[in-house]
Every structure is written in structure tokens, then in C-alpha cells.
């Protein structure tokens, strides 16, 4: 999370940070009126008035589970497209006569989109757009093989 965002959250009185907690229930008739938060360590539940709910799930990429030899930056974000040329090894390992597609990883036909991709804009709308673009690129890749 950006430092400026952390600072703003810390000085805003109507924002509460509830670590080790999950939203157990959203309550309301025609709109959200209350939420119940459950602390997963203590089991304690608290219901509070709420007119909106914003969920932040983190800014670290969760890419450790990927067992393929996919190029990642120093923070674990997946490198794609032209960014792959930053790696000295990439030119030696890329076997196709074309450059990688914009969202393509160092493995032909495997694409990465959204917040897990190095250089992503980290916005939902951008991730959705990249997903749509990836579908087109997958079709182009499949036409080659």
C-alpha cells in the first residue's frame, strides 16, 4: 500500500482498520445498512452501521505458488511483453520468431493480467480490460500453433 494512502487512513476518523478480521455479514433492506465483523483469532463479532464497504486485499503479488520458470521482478510481479527484454537470459530462451505479445510471459501462450503483472495500473477496470485483451491474444497465439 502506498505511504500516502496509509497516512490518509491513519488520520481519517471514520476509517477503522480491523486486522485478523472478516466480514461475516452484510445487513440491509434495499442497501447496505450494517456489517458484522468477526475477529478470526478471538471469534468476537461486532455489528456496526455502514453505508459502504471497501475491501483492500493487499498489494503484494501472490505468485509463490507458480512452479513454472516465469520471470518475475524483485517484488514477485510477473514480467510480460517488452519488459521481458530487460532480462539478459530472455533473448537466449525465447524460441519464437516474434516478440512476446504485450501480456505474454516468458513462456509462449501463458499470459498474465491484473495486479499480479509487473507494470499493471492496479485498478479493477484496468484488470478487466487486460483480461479482455488477453482473450484476443490467446486467440492469436492459438492461430499460430
N, C-alpha and C. Protein backbone atom coordinates (compact mmCIF):
# COMPACT_ATOMS: atom_id res chain seq x y z
N UNK A 1 0.85 -1.16 0.00
CA UNK A 1 0.00 0.00 0.00
C UNK A 1 0.90 1.23 0.00
N UNK A 2 0.48 2.27 -0.70
CA UNK A 2 1.27 3.49 -0.80
C UNK A 2 1.34 4.21 0.54
N UNK A 3 2.46 4.84 0.80
CA UNK A 3 2.65 5.58 2.06
C UNK A 3 1.59 6.67 2.22
N UNK A 4 1.29 7.41 1.13
CA UNK A 4 0.30 8.48 1.24
C UNK A 4 -1.06 7.92 1.64
N UNK A 5 -1.41 6.73 1.13
CA UNK A 5 -2.69 6.13 1.47
C UNK A 5 -2.71 5.70 2.93
N UNK A 6 -1.63 5.11 3.40
CA UNK A 6 -1.54 4.73 4.81
C UNK A 6 -1.70 5.95 5.70
N UNK A 7 -1.01 7.04 5.35
CA UNK A 7 -1.10 8.27 6.14
C UNK A 7 -2.52 8.81 6.17
N UNK A 8 -3.19 8.80 5.02
CA UNK A 8 -4.57 9.31 4.96
C UNK A 8 -5.52 8.45 5.79
N UNK A 9 -5.35 7.16 5.72
CA UNK A 9 -6.19 6.25 6.52
C UNK A 9 -5.98 6.51 8.01
N UNK A 10 -4.74 6.69 8.40
CA UNK A 10 -4.43 6.89 9.82
C UNK A 10 -5.00 8.19 10.39
N UNK A 11 -5.19 9.22 9.57
CA UNK A 11 -5.72 10.48 10.08
C UNK A 11 -7.21 10.66 9.83
N UNK A 12 -7.85 9.68 9.21
CA UNK A 12 -9.28 9.78 8.92
C UNK A 12 -10.07 9.09 10.03
N UNK A 13 -10.89 9.87 10.72
CA UNK A 13 -11.59 9.36 11.90
C UNK A 13 -12.63 8.29 11.61
N UNK A 14 -13.24 8.31 10.44
CA UNK A 14 -14.31 7.34 10.17
C UNK A 14 -13.83 6.10 9.43
N UNK A 15 -12.54 5.83 9.46
CA UNK A 15 -11.99 4.60 8.89
C UNK A 15 -11.41 3.77 10.02
N UNK A 16 -11.80 2.51 10.08
CA UNK A 16 -11.28 1.60 11.10
C UNK A 16 -10.52 0.46 10.41
N UNK A 17 -9.34 0.18 10.89
CA UNK A 17 -8.56 -0.96 10.42
C UNK A 17 -8.82 -2.11 11.39
N UNK A 18 -9.28 -3.22 10.88
CA UNK A 18 -9.59 -4.37 11.72
C UNK A 18 -8.79 -5.56 11.22
N UNK A 19 -7.61 -5.74 11.79
CA UNK A 19 -6.74 -6.84 11.39
C UNK A 19 -7.31 -8.16 11.85
N UNK A 20 -6.91 -9.23 11.19
CA UNK A 20 -7.34 -10.59 11.54
C UNK A 20 -8.86 -10.70 11.59
N UNK A 21 -9.52 -10.01 10.69
CA UNK A 21 -10.98 -9.97 10.71
C UNK A 21 -11.56 -10.25 9.33
N UNK A 22 -12.79 -10.73 9.34
CA UNK A 22 -13.52 -10.97 8.10
C UNK A 22 -14.90 -10.35 8.22
N UNK A 23 -15.45 -9.99 7.07
CA UNK A 23 -16.84 -9.53 7.06
C UNK A 23 -17.70 -10.78 7.15
N UNK A 24 -18.43 -10.90 8.24
CA UNK A 24 -19.26 -12.09 8.46
C UNK A 24 -20.64 -11.92 7.84
N UNK A 25 -21.11 -10.67 7.77
CA UNK A 25 -22.47 -10.46 7.27
C UNK A 25 -22.66 -9.01 6.84
N UNK A 26 -23.39 -8.83 5.75
CA UNK A 26 -23.86 -7.52 5.33
C UNK A 26 -25.35 -7.46 5.59
N UNK A 27 -25.82 -6.40 6.22
CA UNK A 27 -27.22 -6.32 6.63
C UNK A 27 -27.84 -5.06 6.02
N UNK A 28 -29.06 -5.22 5.48
CA UNK A 28 -29.79 -4.08 4.94
C UNK A 28 -30.98 -4.53 4.14
N UNK A 29 -31.92 -3.61 3.93
CA UNK A 29 -33.11 -3.95 3.15
C UNK A 29 -32.89 -3.64 1.68
N UNK A 30 -32.77 -2.39 1.32
CA UNK A 30 -32.55 -2.01 -0.08
C UNK A 30 -31.12 -1.55 -0.35
N UNK A 31 -30.35 -1.45 0.70
CA UNK A 31 -28.96 -1.02 0.60
C UNK A 31 -28.22 -1.52 1.84
N UNK A 32 -26.92 -1.42 1.82
CA UNK A 32 -26.14 -1.82 2.99
C UNK A 32 -26.40 -0.85 4.13
N UNK A 33 -26.76 -1.39 5.29
CA UNK A 33 -27.02 -0.56 6.47
C UNK A 33 -26.07 -0.88 7.61
N UNK A 34 -25.70 -2.15 7.75
CA UNK A 34 -24.80 -2.59 8.82
C UNK A 34 -23.92 -3.72 8.31
N UNK A 35 -22.80 -3.89 8.96
CA UNK A 35 -21.96 -5.05 8.69
C UNK A 35 -21.55 -5.68 10.02
N UNK A 36 -21.40 -6.98 9.98
CA UNK A 36 -20.89 -7.71 11.15
C UNK A 36 -19.48 -8.17 10.82
N UNK A 37 -18.56 -7.79 11.68
CA UNK A 37 -17.15 -8.15 11.52
C UNK A 37 -16.80 -9.20 12.56
N UNK A 38 -16.11 -10.26 12.13
CA UNK A 38 -15.70 -11.32 13.04
C UNK A 38 -14.18 -11.37 13.10
N UNK A 39 -13.65 -11.31 14.32
CA UNK A 39 -12.22 -11.47 14.53
C UNK A 39 -11.93 -12.97 14.45
N UNK A 40 -11.09 -13.37 13.51
CA UNK A 40 -10.85 -14.81 13.30
C UNK A 40 -9.96 -15.43 14.37
N UNK A 41 -9.30 -14.60 15.17
CA UNK A 41 -8.48 -15.14 16.26
C UNK A 41 -9.28 -15.35 17.54
N UNK A 42 -10.17 -14.39 17.84
CA UNK A 42 -10.93 -14.46 19.10
C UNK A 42 -12.34 -14.97 18.93
N UNK A 43 -12.85 -14.90 17.68
CA UNK A 43 -14.24 -15.29 17.43
C UNK A 43 -15.23 -14.18 17.76
N UNK A 44 -14.74 -13.09 18.34
CA UNK A 44 -15.62 -11.97 18.70
C UNK A 44 -16.24 -11.35 17.45
N UNK A 45 -17.54 -11.02 17.53
CA UNK A 45 -18.24 -10.39 16.42
C UNK A 45 -18.75 -9.03 16.86
N UNK A 46 -18.71 -8.07 15.93
CA UNK A 46 -19.19 -6.73 16.22
C UNK A 46 -19.99 -6.24 15.02
N UNK A 47 -21.20 -5.75 15.28
CA UNK A 47 -22.04 -5.20 14.22
C UNK A 47 -22.02 -3.68 14.32
N UNK A 48 -21.77 -3.03 13.18
CA UNK A 48 -21.68 -1.57 13.13
C UNK A 48 -22.49 -1.05 11.95
N UNK A 49 -23.00 0.18 12.09
CA UNK A 49 -23.67 0.83 10.96
C UNK A 49 -22.65 1.05 9.85
N UNK A 50 -23.09 0.87 8.62
CA UNK A 50 -22.20 1.07 7.47
C UNK A 50 -23.04 1.39 6.25
N UNK A 51 -22.66 2.43 5.56
CA UNK A 51 -23.32 2.78 4.31
C UNK A 51 -22.52 2.32 3.10
N UNK A 52 -21.28 1.89 3.35
CA UNK A 52 -20.42 1.42 2.26
C UNK A 52 -19.37 0.49 2.86
N UNK A 53 -18.83 -0.36 2.01
CA UNK A 53 -17.79 -1.30 2.43
C UNK A 53 -16.74 -1.35 1.33
N UNK A 54 -15.50 -1.05 1.69
CA UNK A 54 -14.39 -1.11 0.75
C UNK A 54 -13.42 -2.16 1.26
N UNK A 55 -13.05 -3.08 0.40
CA UNK A 55 -12.17 -4.17 0.81
C UNK A 55 -10.83 -4.01 0.10
N UNK A 56 -9.76 -4.01 0.87
CA UNK A 56 -8.41 -3.96 0.34
C UNK A 56 -7.75 -5.28 0.69
N UNK A 57 -7.37 -6.04 -0.33
CA UNK A 57 -6.84 -7.38 -0.07
C UNK A 57 -5.32 -7.44 -0.15
N UNK A 58 -4.70 -6.30 -0.31
CA UNK A 58 -3.24 -6.29 -0.29
C UNK A 58 -2.63 -5.88 -1.61
N UNK A 59 -1.38 -5.52 -1.56
CA UNK A 59 -0.69 -5.07 -2.75
C UNK A 59 0.49 -5.96 -3.11
N UNK A 60 0.66 -7.04 -2.40
CA UNK A 60 1.74 -7.97 -2.72
C UNK A 60 1.21 -9.03 -3.69
N UNK A 61 1.97 -9.34 -4.72
CA UNK A 61 1.52 -10.41 -5.61
C UNK A 61 1.69 -11.76 -4.92
N UNK A 62 0.74 -12.61 -5.10
CA UNK A 62 0.84 -13.96 -4.52
C UNK A 62 1.19 -14.89 -5.68
N UNK A 63 2.49 -14.95 -5.98
CA UNK A 63 2.96 -15.73 -7.13
C UNK A 63 3.89 -16.87 -6.73
N UNK A 64 4.09 -17.06 -5.44
CA UNK A 64 4.99 -18.12 -4.98
C UNK A 64 4.54 -19.51 -5.40
N UNK A 65 3.24 -19.69 -5.59
CA UNK A 65 2.69 -21.00 -5.94
C UNK A 65 3.01 -21.40 -7.38
N UNK A 66 3.41 -20.44 -8.20
CA UNK A 66 3.68 -20.73 -9.61
C UNK A 66 4.99 -21.51 -9.71
N UNK A 67 4.91 -22.73 -10.16
CA UNK A 67 6.10 -23.60 -10.23
C UNK A 67 6.84 -23.49 -11.55
N UNK A 68 6.23 -22.84 -12.55
CA UNK A 68 6.89 -22.65 -13.84
C UNK A 68 8.00 -21.63 -13.68
N UNK A 69 8.93 -21.64 -14.59
CA UNK A 69 10.06 -20.72 -14.53
C UNK A 69 9.68 -19.39 -15.19
N UNK A 70 8.69 -18.73 -14.62
CA UNK A 70 8.18 -17.46 -15.15
C UNK A 70 9.02 -16.33 -14.58
N UNK A 71 9.39 -15.38 -15.43
CA UNK A 71 10.20 -14.25 -14.97
C UNK A 71 9.35 -13.33 -14.10
N UNK A 72 9.91 -12.96 -12.96
CA UNK A 72 9.25 -12.04 -12.04
C UNK A 72 10.23 -10.94 -11.67
N UNK A 73 9.70 -9.80 -11.29
CA UNK A 73 10.59 -8.74 -10.83
C UNK A 73 10.99 -9.00 -9.38
N UNK A 74 11.74 -8.10 -8.79
CA UNK A 74 12.26 -8.31 -7.44
C UNK A 74 11.17 -8.38 -6.38
N UNK A 75 9.97 -7.89 -6.70
CA UNK A 75 8.86 -7.93 -5.74
C UNK A 75 7.92 -9.10 -5.98
N UNK A 76 8.18 -9.89 -7.02
CA UNK A 76 7.35 -11.06 -7.30
C UNK A 76 6.28 -10.83 -8.35
N UNK A 77 6.23 -9.64 -8.95
CA UNK A 77 5.26 -9.37 -10.02
C UNK A 77 5.75 -10.04 -11.31
N UNK A 78 4.82 -10.54 -12.10
CA UNK A 78 5.15 -11.29 -13.31
C UNK A 78 5.50 -10.34 -14.45
N UNK A 79 6.65 -10.57 -15.06
CA UNK A 79 7.09 -9.77 -16.21
C UNK A 79 6.40 -10.27 -17.48
N UNK A 80 6.00 -9.33 -18.32
CA UNK A 80 5.32 -9.68 -19.57
C UNK A 80 5.79 -8.76 -20.71
N UNK A 81 5.47 -9.18 -21.92
CA UNK A 81 5.69 -8.34 -23.09
C UNK A 81 7.10 -7.81 -23.22
N UNK A 82 7.20 -6.53 -23.58
CA UNK A 82 8.51 -5.90 -23.81
C UNK A 82 9.39 -5.87 -22.56
N UNK A 83 8.77 -5.87 -21.39
CA UNK A 83 9.56 -5.86 -20.15
C UNK A 83 10.45 -7.09 -20.02
N UNK A 84 10.10 -8.15 -20.74
CA UNK A 84 10.91 -9.37 -20.68
C UNK A 84 12.32 -9.15 -21.23
N UNK A 85 12.47 -8.19 -22.13
CA UNK A 85 13.78 -7.93 -22.74
C UNK A 85 14.77 -7.34 -21.74
N UNK A 86 14.30 -6.92 -20.57
CA UNK A 86 15.20 -6.42 -19.53
C UNK A 86 16.12 -7.53 -19.01
N UNK A 87 15.65 -8.75 -19.09
CA UNK A 87 16.43 -9.90 -18.61
C UNK A 87 17.40 -10.35 -19.69
N UNK A 88 18.66 -10.50 -19.31
CA UNK A 88 19.67 -10.97 -20.26
C UNK A 88 19.36 -12.36 -20.78
N UNK A 89 18.80 -13.20 -19.94
CA UNK A 89 18.51 -14.59 -20.32
C UNK A 89 17.33 -14.70 -21.28
N UNK A 90 16.46 -13.70 -21.29
CA UNK A 90 15.25 -13.83 -22.10
C UNK A 90 15.57 -14.05 -23.57
N UNK A 91 16.47 -13.29 -24.13
CA UNK A 91 16.80 -13.41 -25.56
C UNK A 91 17.33 -14.80 -25.89
N UNK A 92 17.99 -15.42 -24.92
CA UNK A 92 18.53 -16.77 -25.14
C UNK A 92 17.45 -17.84 -25.06
N UNK A 93 16.43 -17.60 -24.25
CA UNK A 93 15.42 -18.65 -24.02
C UNK A 93 14.19 -18.52 -24.90
N UNK A 94 13.90 -17.34 -25.44
CA UNK A 94 12.72 -17.14 -26.27
C UNK A 94 12.98 -17.74 -27.64
N UNK A 95 12.21 -18.74 -28.02
CA UNK A 95 12.49 -19.51 -29.24
C UNK A 95 11.65 -19.11 -30.45
N UNK A 96 10.67 -18.23 -30.26
CA UNK A 96 9.79 -17.87 -31.37
C UNK A 96 10.40 -16.76 -32.23
N UNK A 97 9.94 -16.68 -33.49
CA UNK A 97 10.43 -15.66 -34.42
C UNK A 97 9.78 -14.30 -34.18
N UNK A 98 8.87 -14.22 -33.26
CA UNK A 98 8.19 -12.96 -32.96
C UNK A 98 8.51 -12.54 -31.53
N UNK A 99 8.29 -11.27 -31.25
CA UNK A 99 8.41 -10.79 -29.87
C UNK A 99 7.20 -11.28 -29.08
N UNK A 100 7.31 -11.34 -27.76
CA UNK A 100 6.15 -11.75 -26.97
C UNK A 100 5.02 -10.74 -27.10
N UNK A 101 3.81 -11.24 -27.04
CA UNK A 101 2.64 -10.35 -27.04
C UNK A 101 2.66 -9.50 -25.77
N UNK A 102 1.95 -8.38 -25.76
CA UNK A 102 2.01 -7.46 -24.62
C UNK A 102 1.78 -8.09 -23.24
N UNK A 103 0.90 -9.02 -23.08
CA UNK A 103 0.61 -9.61 -21.77
C UNK A 103 1.18 -11.02 -21.63
N UNK A 104 1.98 -11.43 -22.59
CA UNK A 104 2.54 -12.78 -22.60
C UNK A 104 3.76 -12.86 -21.70
N UNK A 105 3.86 -13.95 -20.99
CA UNK A 105 5.02 -14.18 -20.12
C UNK A 105 6.18 -14.72 -20.95
N UNK A 106 7.24 -15.11 -20.28
CA UNK A 106 8.40 -15.67 -20.98
C UNK A 106 8.11 -17.06 -21.54
N UNK A 107 6.96 -17.61 -21.20
CA UNK A 107 6.55 -18.90 -21.74
C UNK A 107 5.45 -18.64 -22.77
N UNK A 108 5.71 -18.93 -24.05
CA UNK A 108 4.72 -18.64 -25.08
C UNK A 108 3.35 -19.25 -24.76
N UNK A 109 2.32 -18.41 -24.93
CA UNK A 109 0.95 -18.88 -24.70
C UNK A 109 0.47 -18.74 -23.27
N UNK A 110 1.33 -18.33 -22.36
CA UNK A 110 0.91 -18.09 -20.97
C UNK A 110 0.92 -16.58 -20.75
N UNK A 111 -0.23 -16.06 -20.32
CA UNK A 111 -0.43 -14.63 -20.19
C UNK A 111 -0.69 -14.25 -18.73
N UNK A 112 -0.36 -13.04 -18.39
CA UNK A 112 -0.58 -12.53 -17.03
C UNK A 112 -1.30 -11.19 -17.13
N UNK A 113 -2.35 -11.03 -16.31
CA UNK A 113 -3.12 -9.79 -16.33
C UNK A 113 -3.43 -9.33 -14.90
N UNK A 114 -3.77 -8.08 -14.78
CA UNK A 114 -4.21 -7.55 -13.49
C UNK A 114 -3.06 -7.20 -12.57
N UNK A 115 -3.37 -7.08 -11.31
CA UNK A 115 -2.43 -6.58 -10.31
C UNK A 115 -1.19 -7.45 -10.14
N UNK A 116 -1.24 -8.69 -10.56
CA UNK A 116 -0.09 -9.59 -10.40
C UNK A 116 0.98 -9.33 -11.46
N UNK A 117 0.63 -8.56 -12.49
CA UNK A 117 1.54 -8.28 -13.59
C UNK A 117 2.40 -7.06 -13.29
N UNK A 118 3.69 -7.18 -13.52
CA UNK A 118 4.60 -6.04 -13.34
C UNK A 118 4.16 -4.91 -14.27
N UNK A 119 4.10 -3.71 -13.73
CA UNK A 119 3.72 -2.56 -14.53
C UNK A 119 2.23 -2.34 -14.65
N UNK A 120 1.43 -3.16 -13.98
CA UNK A 120 -0.03 -3.01 -14.05
C UNK A 120 -0.45 -1.71 -13.36
N UNK A 121 -1.61 -1.19 -13.75
CA UNK A 121 -2.11 0.05 -13.16
C UNK A 121 -2.78 -0.17 -11.81
N UNK A 122 -3.00 -1.42 -11.43
CA UNK A 122 -3.60 -1.77 -10.13
C UNK A 122 -4.96 -1.11 -9.91
N UNK A 123 -5.80 -1.24 -10.90
CA UNK A 123 -7.18 -0.78 -10.83
C UNK A 123 -8.05 -1.88 -11.40
N UNK A 124 -9.23 -2.05 -10.83
CA UNK A 124 -10.14 -3.11 -11.28
C UNK A 124 -10.44 -2.96 -12.77
N UNK A 125 -10.76 -1.74 -13.19
CA UNK A 125 -11.11 -1.52 -14.59
C UNK A 125 -9.96 -1.90 -15.51
N UNK A 126 -8.74 -1.60 -15.11
CA UNK A 126 -7.57 -1.97 -15.92
C UNK A 126 -7.43 -3.49 -16.00
N UNK A 127 -7.63 -4.16 -14.88
CA UNK A 127 -7.52 -5.63 -14.87
C UNK A 127 -8.57 -6.25 -15.77
N UNK A 128 -9.78 -5.71 -15.74
CA UNK A 128 -10.85 -6.22 -16.61
C UNK A 128 -10.47 -6.02 -18.07
N UNK A 129 -9.96 -4.83 -18.39
CA UNK A 129 -9.53 -4.55 -19.76
C UNK A 129 -8.40 -5.46 -20.21
N UNK A 130 -7.44 -5.70 -19.31
CA UNK A 130 -6.34 -6.60 -19.64
C UNK A 130 -6.85 -8.02 -19.86
N UNK A 131 -7.83 -8.43 -19.07
CA UNK A 131 -8.42 -9.76 -19.25
C UNK A 131 -9.04 -9.91 -20.63
N UNK A 132 -9.78 -8.87 -21.06
CA UNK A 132 -10.39 -8.90 -22.39
C UNK A 132 -9.32 -8.92 -23.47
N UNK A 133 -8.28 -8.14 -23.27
CA UNK A 133 -7.17 -8.11 -24.23
C UNK A 133 -6.47 -9.46 -24.30
N UNK A 134 -6.30 -10.10 -23.15
CA UNK A 134 -5.64 -11.41 -23.11
C UNK A 134 -6.40 -12.45 -23.91
N UNK A 135 -7.72 -12.38 -23.88
CA UNK A 135 -8.53 -13.32 -24.67
C UNK A 135 -8.19 -13.19 -26.14
N UNK A 136 -8.11 -11.96 -26.63
CA UNK A 136 -7.74 -11.72 -28.03
C UNK A 136 -6.35 -12.27 -28.32
N UNK A 137 -5.41 -12.04 -27.40
CA UNK A 137 -4.04 -12.51 -27.60
C UNK A 137 -3.94 -14.03 -27.55
N UNK A 138 -4.74 -14.66 -26.72
CA UNK A 138 -4.78 -16.13 -26.69
C UNK A 138 -5.24 -16.67 -28.04
N UNK A 139 -6.26 -16.03 -28.62
CA UNK A 139 -6.73 -16.46 -29.94
C UNK A 139 -5.62 -16.30 -30.99
N UNK A 140 -4.88 -15.20 -30.92
CA UNK A 140 -3.77 -15.01 -31.85
C UNK A 140 -2.71 -16.09 -31.66
N UNK A 141 -2.40 -16.39 -30.41
CA UNK A 141 -1.41 -17.43 -30.13
C UNK A 141 -1.89 -18.78 -30.66
N UNK A 142 -3.14 -19.12 -30.39
CA UNK A 142 -3.68 -20.41 -30.83
C UNK A 142 -3.71 -20.53 -32.35
N UNK A 143 -3.86 -19.41 -33.04
CA UNK A 143 -3.83 -19.43 -34.51
C UNK A 143 -2.44 -19.78 -35.03
N UNK A 144 -1.41 -19.55 -34.22
CA UNK A 144 -0.03 -19.84 -34.61
C UNK A 144 0.33 -21.31 -34.46
N UNK A 145 -0.27 -21.97 -33.49
CA UNK A 145 0.16 -23.33 -33.15
C UNK A 145 -0.65 -24.38 -33.86
